N, C-alpha and C. Protein backbone atom coordinates (compact mmCIF):
# COMPACT_ATOMS: atom_id res chain seq x y z
N UNK A 1 -76.46 -86.72 -59.34
CA UNK A 1 -77.36 -87.81 -59.66
C UNK A 1 -77.64 -87.81 -61.15
N UNK A 2 -77.50 -88.96 -61.75
CA UNK A 2 -77.78 -89.12 -63.17
C UNK A 2 -78.87 -90.18 -63.31
N UNK A 3 -79.86 -89.88 -64.17
CA UNK A 3 -80.94 -90.82 -64.46
C UNK A 3 -80.88 -91.19 -65.93
N UNK A 4 -80.98 -92.47 -66.20
CA UNK A 4 -81.05 -92.94 -67.58
C UNK A 4 -82.32 -93.78 -67.68
N UNK A 5 -83.22 -93.38 -68.60
CA UNK A 5 -84.50 -94.06 -68.74
C UNK A 5 -84.49 -94.91 -70.01
N UNK A 6 -84.86 -96.18 -69.85
CA UNK A 6 -84.92 -97.10 -70.98
C UNK A 6 -86.28 -97.80 -70.98
N UNK A 7 -86.78 -98.12 -72.17
CA UNK A 7 -88.04 -98.83 -72.32
C UNK A 7 -87.77 -100.19 -72.94
N UNK A 8 -88.34 -101.24 -72.35
CA UNK A 8 -88.19 -102.59 -72.88
C UNK A 8 -89.49 -103.35 -72.61
N UNK A 9 -90.25 -103.67 -73.66
CA UNK A 9 -91.52 -104.42 -73.51
C UNK A 9 -92.50 -103.76 -72.54
N UNK A 10 -92.69 -102.45 -72.67
CA UNK A 10 -93.58 -101.67 -71.81
C UNK A 10 -93.12 -101.60 -70.35
N UNK A 11 -91.89 -101.97 -70.12
CA UNK A 11 -91.29 -101.85 -68.78
C UNK A 11 -90.29 -100.71 -68.84
N UNK A 12 -90.41 -99.78 -67.92
CA UNK A 12 -89.48 -98.65 -67.84
C UNK A 12 -88.38 -99.01 -66.85
N UNK A 13 -87.15 -98.87 -67.29
CA UNK A 13 -85.99 -99.04 -66.40
C UNK A 13 -85.39 -97.66 -66.17
N UNK A 14 -85.28 -97.28 -64.91
CA UNK A 14 -84.64 -96.02 -64.56
C UNK A 14 -83.34 -96.37 -63.84
N UNK A 15 -82.23 -96.17 -64.57
CA UNK A 15 -80.91 -96.47 -64.00
C UNK A 15 -80.41 -95.22 -63.28
N UNK A 16 -80.13 -95.37 -62.01
CA UNK A 16 -79.71 -94.25 -61.17
C UNK A 16 -78.23 -94.35 -60.86
N UNK A 17 -77.54 -93.23 -61.02
CA UNK A 17 -76.12 -93.18 -60.70
C UNK A 17 -75.89 -92.02 -59.75
N UNK A 18 -75.18 -92.26 -58.66
CA UNK A 18 -74.90 -91.20 -57.70
C UNK A 18 -75.62 -91.44 -56.39
N UNK A 19 -76.29 -90.40 -55.90
CA UNK A 19 -76.99 -90.47 -54.62
C UNK A 19 -78.46 -90.10 -54.80
N UNK A 20 -79.33 -90.92 -54.24
CA UNK A 20 -80.77 -90.65 -54.26
C UNK A 20 -81.11 -89.95 -52.94
N UNK A 21 -81.09 -88.62 -53.01
CA UNK A 21 -81.24 -87.80 -51.80
C UNK A 21 -82.31 -86.72 -52.00
N UNK A 22 -82.65 -86.05 -50.91
CA UNK A 22 -83.73 -85.06 -50.90
C UNK A 22 -83.64 -84.04 -52.03
N UNK A 23 -82.44 -83.59 -52.34
CA UNK A 23 -82.28 -82.51 -53.33
C UNK A 23 -82.71 -82.91 -54.75
N UNK A 24 -82.83 -84.20 -55.05
CA UNK A 24 -83.21 -84.60 -56.40
C UNK A 24 -84.52 -85.40 -56.45
N UNK A 25 -85.13 -85.63 -55.30
CA UNK A 25 -86.35 -86.43 -55.26
C UNK A 25 -87.45 -85.83 -56.13
N UNK A 26 -87.63 -84.51 -56.09
CA UNK A 26 -88.68 -83.87 -56.89
C UNK A 26 -88.44 -84.07 -58.38
N UNK A 27 -87.18 -84.02 -58.79
CA UNK A 27 -86.83 -84.24 -60.20
C UNK A 27 -87.21 -85.67 -60.62
N UNK A 28 -86.92 -86.63 -59.77
CA UNK A 28 -87.24 -88.02 -60.09
C UNK A 28 -88.76 -88.21 -60.10
N UNK A 29 -89.46 -87.62 -59.12
CA UNK A 29 -90.93 -87.71 -59.08
C UNK A 29 -91.54 -87.16 -60.36
N UNK A 30 -91.03 -86.05 -60.82
CA UNK A 30 -91.53 -85.42 -62.04
C UNK A 30 -91.35 -86.35 -63.24
N UNK A 31 -90.20 -86.96 -63.33
CA UNK A 31 -89.90 -87.90 -64.42
C UNK A 31 -90.88 -89.08 -64.37
N UNK A 32 -91.12 -89.60 -63.18
CA UNK A 32 -92.02 -90.75 -63.02
C UNK A 32 -93.44 -90.35 -63.41
N UNK A 33 -93.87 -89.16 -62.99
CA UNK A 33 -95.22 -88.70 -63.30
C UNK A 33 -95.43 -88.61 -64.82
N UNK A 34 -94.42 -88.13 -65.53
CA UNK A 34 -94.51 -88.05 -66.99
C UNK A 34 -94.70 -89.45 -67.60
N UNK A 35 -94.01 -90.42 -67.04
CA UNK A 35 -94.12 -91.80 -67.53
C UNK A 35 -95.50 -92.37 -67.25
N UNK A 36 -96.00 -92.13 -66.04
CA UNK A 36 -97.32 -92.63 -65.66
C UNK A 36 -98.40 -91.97 -66.53
N UNK A 37 -98.23 -90.68 -66.81
CA UNK A 37 -99.17 -89.97 -67.68
C UNK A 37 -99.23 -90.60 -69.07
N UNK A 38 -98.13 -91.22 -69.48
CA UNK A 38 -98.07 -91.90 -70.79
C UNK A 38 -98.47 -93.38 -70.66
N UNK A 39 -99.02 -93.73 -69.50
CA UNK A 39 -99.53 -95.09 -69.21
C UNK A 39 -98.44 -96.13 -69.00
N UNK A 40 -97.24 -95.71 -68.65
CA UNK A 40 -96.19 -96.66 -68.27
C UNK A 40 -96.25 -96.83 -66.76
N UNK A 41 -96.72 -98.00 -66.31
CA UNK A 41 -96.91 -98.21 -64.88
C UNK A 41 -96.10 -99.38 -64.32
N UNK A 42 -95.27 -99.97 -65.16
CA UNK A 42 -94.35 -101.02 -64.71
C UNK A 42 -92.94 -100.43 -64.76
N UNK A 43 -92.43 -100.07 -63.58
CA UNK A 43 -91.18 -99.32 -63.50
C UNK A 43 -90.17 -100.07 -62.62
N UNK A 44 -88.94 -100.11 -63.11
CA UNK A 44 -87.84 -100.73 -62.37
C UNK A 44 -86.81 -99.64 -62.06
N UNK A 45 -86.48 -99.49 -60.79
CA UNK A 45 -85.37 -98.63 -60.38
C UNK A 45 -84.13 -99.51 -60.33
N UNK A 46 -83.22 -99.31 -61.27
CA UNK A 46 -81.94 -100.02 -61.25
C UNK A 46 -81.00 -99.20 -60.38
N UNK A 47 -80.75 -99.70 -59.18
CA UNK A 47 -80.00 -98.95 -58.17
C UNK A 47 -78.55 -99.41 -58.05
N UNK A 48 -78.10 -100.20 -59.02
CA UNK A 48 -76.78 -100.82 -58.92
C UNK A 48 -75.63 -99.81 -58.90
N UNK A 49 -75.87 -98.58 -59.36
CA UNK A 49 -74.80 -97.58 -59.38
C UNK A 49 -75.04 -96.45 -58.39
N UNK A 50 -75.87 -96.72 -57.39
CA UNK A 50 -76.10 -95.72 -56.35
C UNK A 50 -75.03 -95.84 -55.27
N UNK A 51 -74.59 -94.69 -54.80
CA UNK A 51 -73.63 -94.66 -53.70
C UNK A 51 -74.35 -94.56 -52.35
N UNK A 52 -75.50 -93.84 -52.38
CA UNK A 52 -76.15 -93.50 -51.12
C UNK A 52 -77.63 -93.22 -51.35
N UNK A 53 -78.45 -93.61 -50.41
CA UNK A 53 -79.88 -93.27 -50.41
C UNK A 53 -80.22 -92.73 -49.03
N UNK A 54 -80.84 -91.54 -48.98
CA UNK A 54 -81.26 -91.01 -47.69
C UNK A 54 -82.74 -91.31 -47.47
N UNK A 55 -83.30 -90.80 -46.37
CA UNK A 55 -84.70 -91.12 -46.04
C UNK A 55 -85.66 -90.59 -47.11
N UNK A 56 -85.34 -89.49 -47.75
CA UNK A 56 -86.19 -88.96 -48.82
C UNK A 56 -86.19 -89.89 -50.03
N UNK A 57 -85.03 -90.42 -50.36
CA UNK A 57 -84.92 -91.38 -51.46
C UNK A 57 -85.69 -92.65 -51.16
N UNK A 58 -85.59 -93.10 -49.92
CA UNK A 58 -86.33 -94.29 -49.48
C UNK A 58 -87.84 -94.01 -49.56
N UNK A 59 -88.23 -92.83 -49.11
CA UNK A 59 -89.64 -92.43 -49.17
C UNK A 59 -90.15 -92.39 -50.60
N UNK A 60 -89.31 -91.94 -51.52
CA UNK A 60 -89.67 -91.91 -52.94
C UNK A 60 -90.00 -93.32 -53.44
N UNK A 61 -89.20 -94.29 -53.06
CA UNK A 61 -89.43 -95.68 -53.48
C UNK A 61 -90.77 -96.19 -52.95
N UNK A 62 -91.03 -95.95 -51.68
CA UNK A 62 -92.26 -96.43 -51.05
C UNK A 62 -93.48 -95.73 -51.66
N UNK A 63 -93.41 -94.41 -51.80
CA UNK A 63 -94.52 -93.64 -52.37
C UNK A 63 -94.78 -94.05 -53.82
N UNK A 64 -93.73 -94.20 -54.60
CA UNK A 64 -93.88 -94.60 -56.00
C UNK A 64 -94.53 -95.97 -56.10
N UNK A 65 -94.10 -96.89 -55.25
CA UNK A 65 -94.67 -98.23 -55.24
C UNK A 65 -96.17 -98.17 -54.95
N UNK A 66 -96.54 -97.39 -53.96
CA UNK A 66 -97.95 -97.25 -53.56
C UNK A 66 -98.78 -96.61 -54.69
N UNK A 67 -98.23 -95.56 -55.30
CA UNK A 67 -98.96 -94.85 -56.36
C UNK A 67 -99.12 -95.70 -57.61
N UNK A 68 -98.09 -96.46 -57.97
CA UNK A 68 -98.19 -97.33 -59.14
C UNK A 68 -99.22 -98.43 -58.91
N UNK A 69 -99.31 -98.91 -57.69
CA UNK A 69 -100.28 -99.97 -57.37
C UNK A 69 -101.71 -99.48 -57.61
N UNK A 70 -101.97 -98.20 -57.38
CA UNK A 70 -103.33 -97.67 -57.60
C UNK A 70 -103.65 -97.61 -59.09
N UNK A 71 -102.63 -97.68 -59.95
CA UNK A 71 -102.83 -97.67 -61.41
C UNK A 71 -102.62 -99.06 -61.99
N UNK A 72 -102.72 -100.08 -61.13
CA UNK A 72 -102.48 -101.48 -61.53
C UNK A 72 -101.06 -101.68 -62.06
N UNK A 73 -100.14 -100.90 -61.52
CA UNK A 73 -98.74 -101.01 -61.91
C UNK A 73 -97.90 -101.58 -60.79
N UNK A 74 -96.59 -101.53 -60.98
CA UNK A 74 -95.67 -102.11 -60.00
C UNK A 74 -94.33 -101.41 -60.09
N UNK A 75 -93.71 -101.23 -58.93
CA UNK A 75 -92.32 -100.76 -58.85
C UNK A 75 -91.47 -101.90 -58.34
N UNK A 76 -90.34 -102.13 -59.00
CA UNK A 76 -89.34 -103.08 -58.51
C UNK A 76 -88.03 -102.32 -58.40
N UNK A 77 -87.34 -102.51 -57.30
CA UNK A 77 -85.98 -101.97 -57.14
C UNK A 77 -85.02 -103.14 -57.29
N UNK A 78 -83.97 -102.95 -58.08
CA UNK A 78 -83.02 -104.05 -58.27
C UNK A 78 -81.59 -103.54 -58.16
N UNK A 79 -80.70 -104.48 -57.91
CA UNK A 79 -79.27 -104.18 -57.88
C UNK A 79 -78.83 -103.32 -56.71
N UNK A 80 -79.52 -103.45 -55.58
CA UNK A 80 -79.19 -102.60 -54.43
C UNK A 80 -77.78 -102.90 -53.91
N UNK A 81 -76.94 -101.86 -53.80
CA UNK A 81 -75.64 -102.05 -53.15
C UNK A 81 -75.85 -102.43 -51.69
N UNK A 82 -74.84 -103.00 -51.06
CA UNK A 82 -74.97 -103.51 -49.69
C UNK A 82 -75.52 -102.47 -48.71
N UNK A 83 -75.02 -101.22 -48.79
CA UNK A 83 -75.48 -100.21 -47.84
C UNK A 83 -76.95 -99.85 -48.06
N UNK A 84 -77.39 -99.85 -49.31
CA UNK A 84 -78.79 -99.54 -49.63
C UNK A 84 -79.68 -100.72 -49.24
N UNK A 85 -79.20 -101.93 -49.48
CA UNK A 85 -79.93 -103.13 -49.08
C UNK A 85 -80.14 -103.13 -47.57
N UNK A 86 -79.11 -102.74 -46.84
CA UNK A 86 -79.19 -102.68 -45.37
C UNK A 86 -80.24 -101.66 -44.94
N UNK A 87 -80.27 -100.50 -45.59
CA UNK A 87 -81.26 -99.46 -45.27
C UNK A 87 -82.67 -99.99 -45.52
N UNK A 88 -82.90 -100.65 -46.65
CA UNK A 88 -84.21 -101.22 -46.96
C UNK A 88 -84.61 -102.24 -45.91
N UNK A 89 -83.65 -103.04 -45.47
CA UNK A 89 -83.92 -104.09 -44.50
C UNK A 89 -84.22 -103.52 -43.11
N UNK A 90 -83.37 -102.62 -42.64
CA UNK A 90 -83.54 -102.03 -41.31
C UNK A 90 -84.87 -101.29 -41.18
N UNK A 91 -85.25 -100.58 -42.22
CA UNK A 91 -86.48 -99.78 -42.19
C UNK A 91 -87.70 -100.59 -42.61
N UNK A 92 -87.48 -101.83 -43.01
CA UNK A 92 -88.53 -102.73 -43.49
C UNK A 92 -89.18 -102.23 -44.78
N UNK A 93 -88.48 -101.37 -45.49
CA UNK A 93 -88.98 -100.89 -46.79
C UNK A 93 -89.09 -102.05 -47.77
N UNK A 94 -88.26 -103.08 -47.56
CA UNK A 94 -88.31 -104.23 -48.46
C UNK A 94 -89.59 -105.05 -48.30
N UNK A 95 -90.40 -104.72 -47.29
CA UNK A 95 -91.71 -105.36 -47.16
C UNK A 95 -92.79 -104.54 -47.89
N UNK A 96 -92.44 -103.33 -48.30
CA UNK A 96 -93.38 -102.45 -48.99
C UNK A 96 -93.05 -102.30 -50.48
N UNK A 97 -91.80 -102.54 -50.82
CA UNK A 97 -91.32 -102.39 -52.20
C UNK A 97 -90.67 -103.71 -52.61
N UNK A 98 -91.02 -104.19 -53.78
CA UNK A 98 -90.42 -105.43 -54.29
C UNK A 98 -88.94 -105.17 -54.61
N UNK A 99 -88.06 -105.98 -54.05
CA UNK A 99 -86.63 -105.85 -54.26
C UNK A 99 -86.11 -107.16 -54.86
N UNK A 100 -85.41 -107.04 -55.99
CA UNK A 100 -84.80 -108.20 -56.62
C UNK A 100 -83.32 -107.92 -56.85
N UNK A 101 -82.55 -108.99 -56.97
CA UNK A 101 -81.10 -108.82 -57.07
C UNK A 101 -80.63 -108.22 -58.38
N UNK A 102 -81.15 -108.73 -59.49
CA UNK A 102 -80.60 -108.32 -60.78
C UNK A 102 -81.65 -107.69 -61.69
N UNK A 103 -81.17 -106.98 -62.67
CA UNK A 103 -82.05 -106.37 -63.66
C UNK A 103 -82.81 -107.45 -64.43
N UNK A 104 -82.16 -108.55 -64.75
CA UNK A 104 -82.84 -109.60 -65.52
C UNK A 104 -83.94 -110.25 -64.69
N UNK A 105 -83.74 -110.40 -63.37
CA UNK A 105 -84.80 -110.91 -62.50
C UNK A 105 -85.98 -109.94 -62.48
N UNK A 106 -85.68 -108.65 -62.42
CA UNK A 106 -86.72 -107.63 -62.42
C UNK A 106 -87.49 -107.66 -63.73
N UNK A 107 -86.78 -107.81 -64.84
CA UNK A 107 -87.41 -107.87 -66.16
C UNK A 107 -88.35 -109.07 -66.24
N UNK A 108 -87.87 -110.24 -65.84
CA UNK A 108 -88.69 -111.45 -65.89
C UNK A 108 -89.92 -111.33 -65.00
N UNK A 109 -89.75 -110.78 -63.82
CA UNK A 109 -90.85 -110.58 -62.87
C UNK A 109 -91.91 -109.67 -63.48
N UNK A 110 -91.47 -108.54 -64.04
CA UNK A 110 -92.40 -107.57 -64.62
C UNK A 110 -93.10 -108.15 -65.85
N UNK A 111 -92.37 -108.86 -66.68
CA UNK A 111 -92.95 -109.46 -67.88
C UNK A 111 -94.07 -110.43 -67.49
N UNK A 112 -93.82 -111.21 -66.45
CA UNK A 112 -94.84 -112.15 -65.97
C UNK A 112 -96.08 -111.38 -65.47
N UNK A 113 -95.87 -110.27 -64.78
CA UNK A 113 -97.00 -109.46 -64.31
C UNK A 113 -97.80 -108.89 -65.48
N UNK A 114 -97.09 -108.39 -66.48
CA UNK A 114 -97.75 -107.81 -67.65
C UNK A 114 -98.56 -108.89 -68.38
N UNK A 115 -97.97 -110.06 -68.56
CA UNK A 115 -98.66 -111.15 -69.24
C UNK A 115 -99.89 -111.60 -68.45
N UNK A 116 -99.75 -111.66 -67.14
CA UNK A 116 -100.86 -112.04 -66.26
C UNK A 116 -101.98 -110.99 -66.36
N UNK A 117 -101.60 -109.73 -66.35
CA UNK A 117 -102.56 -108.63 -66.45
C UNK A 117 -103.29 -108.68 -67.79
N UNK A 118 -102.57 -108.96 -68.87
CA UNK A 118 -103.18 -109.06 -70.20
C UNK A 118 -104.15 -110.23 -70.27
N UNK A 119 -103.77 -111.34 -69.67
CA UNK A 119 -104.64 -112.52 -69.67
C UNK A 119 -105.92 -112.23 -68.87
N UNK A 120 -105.80 -111.54 -67.74
CA UNK A 120 -106.96 -111.18 -66.93
C UNK A 120 -107.92 -110.30 -67.73
N UNK A 121 -107.37 -109.36 -68.50
CA UNK A 121 -108.20 -108.46 -69.30
C UNK A 121 -108.93 -109.22 -70.39
N UNK A 122 -108.26 -110.20 -71.02
CA UNK A 122 -108.89 -110.98 -72.08
C UNK A 122 -110.02 -111.84 -71.52
N UNK A 123 -109.80 -112.42 -70.34
CA UNK A 123 -110.81 -113.27 -69.72
C UNK A 123 -112.02 -112.44 -69.32
N UNK A 124 -111.79 -111.22 -68.85
CA UNK A 124 -112.86 -110.36 -68.39
C UNK A 124 -113.69 -109.75 -69.50
N UNK A 125 -113.21 -109.78 -70.73
CA UNK A 125 -113.97 -109.12 -71.82
C UNK A 125 -114.92 -110.04 -72.53
């Protein structure tokens, strides 16, 4: 499993290559926690280069989505290969985690959320 982390407009993109399985979930969780500690709460998992996701990997997506929501953040998964898309659909994980087709769709979605959040903060002050 290879992780590549990129920052674009306060949005973190984590590009995953290989398999998102139990043996690396703790490593990914640790990476995410470091980002959240630095106040990065808009995270995109780019899954376009994943070969396989097991139940632990799926659990990581759901847990991360839930935890980011408590920090007024959001997780989006994008670029799911057909087998991963099927897993999300069968388990109904796609009802718990926002799934978009492309990285650019994920970027636009997150940017809109960030702008909306900033506008809410300005109105409230």
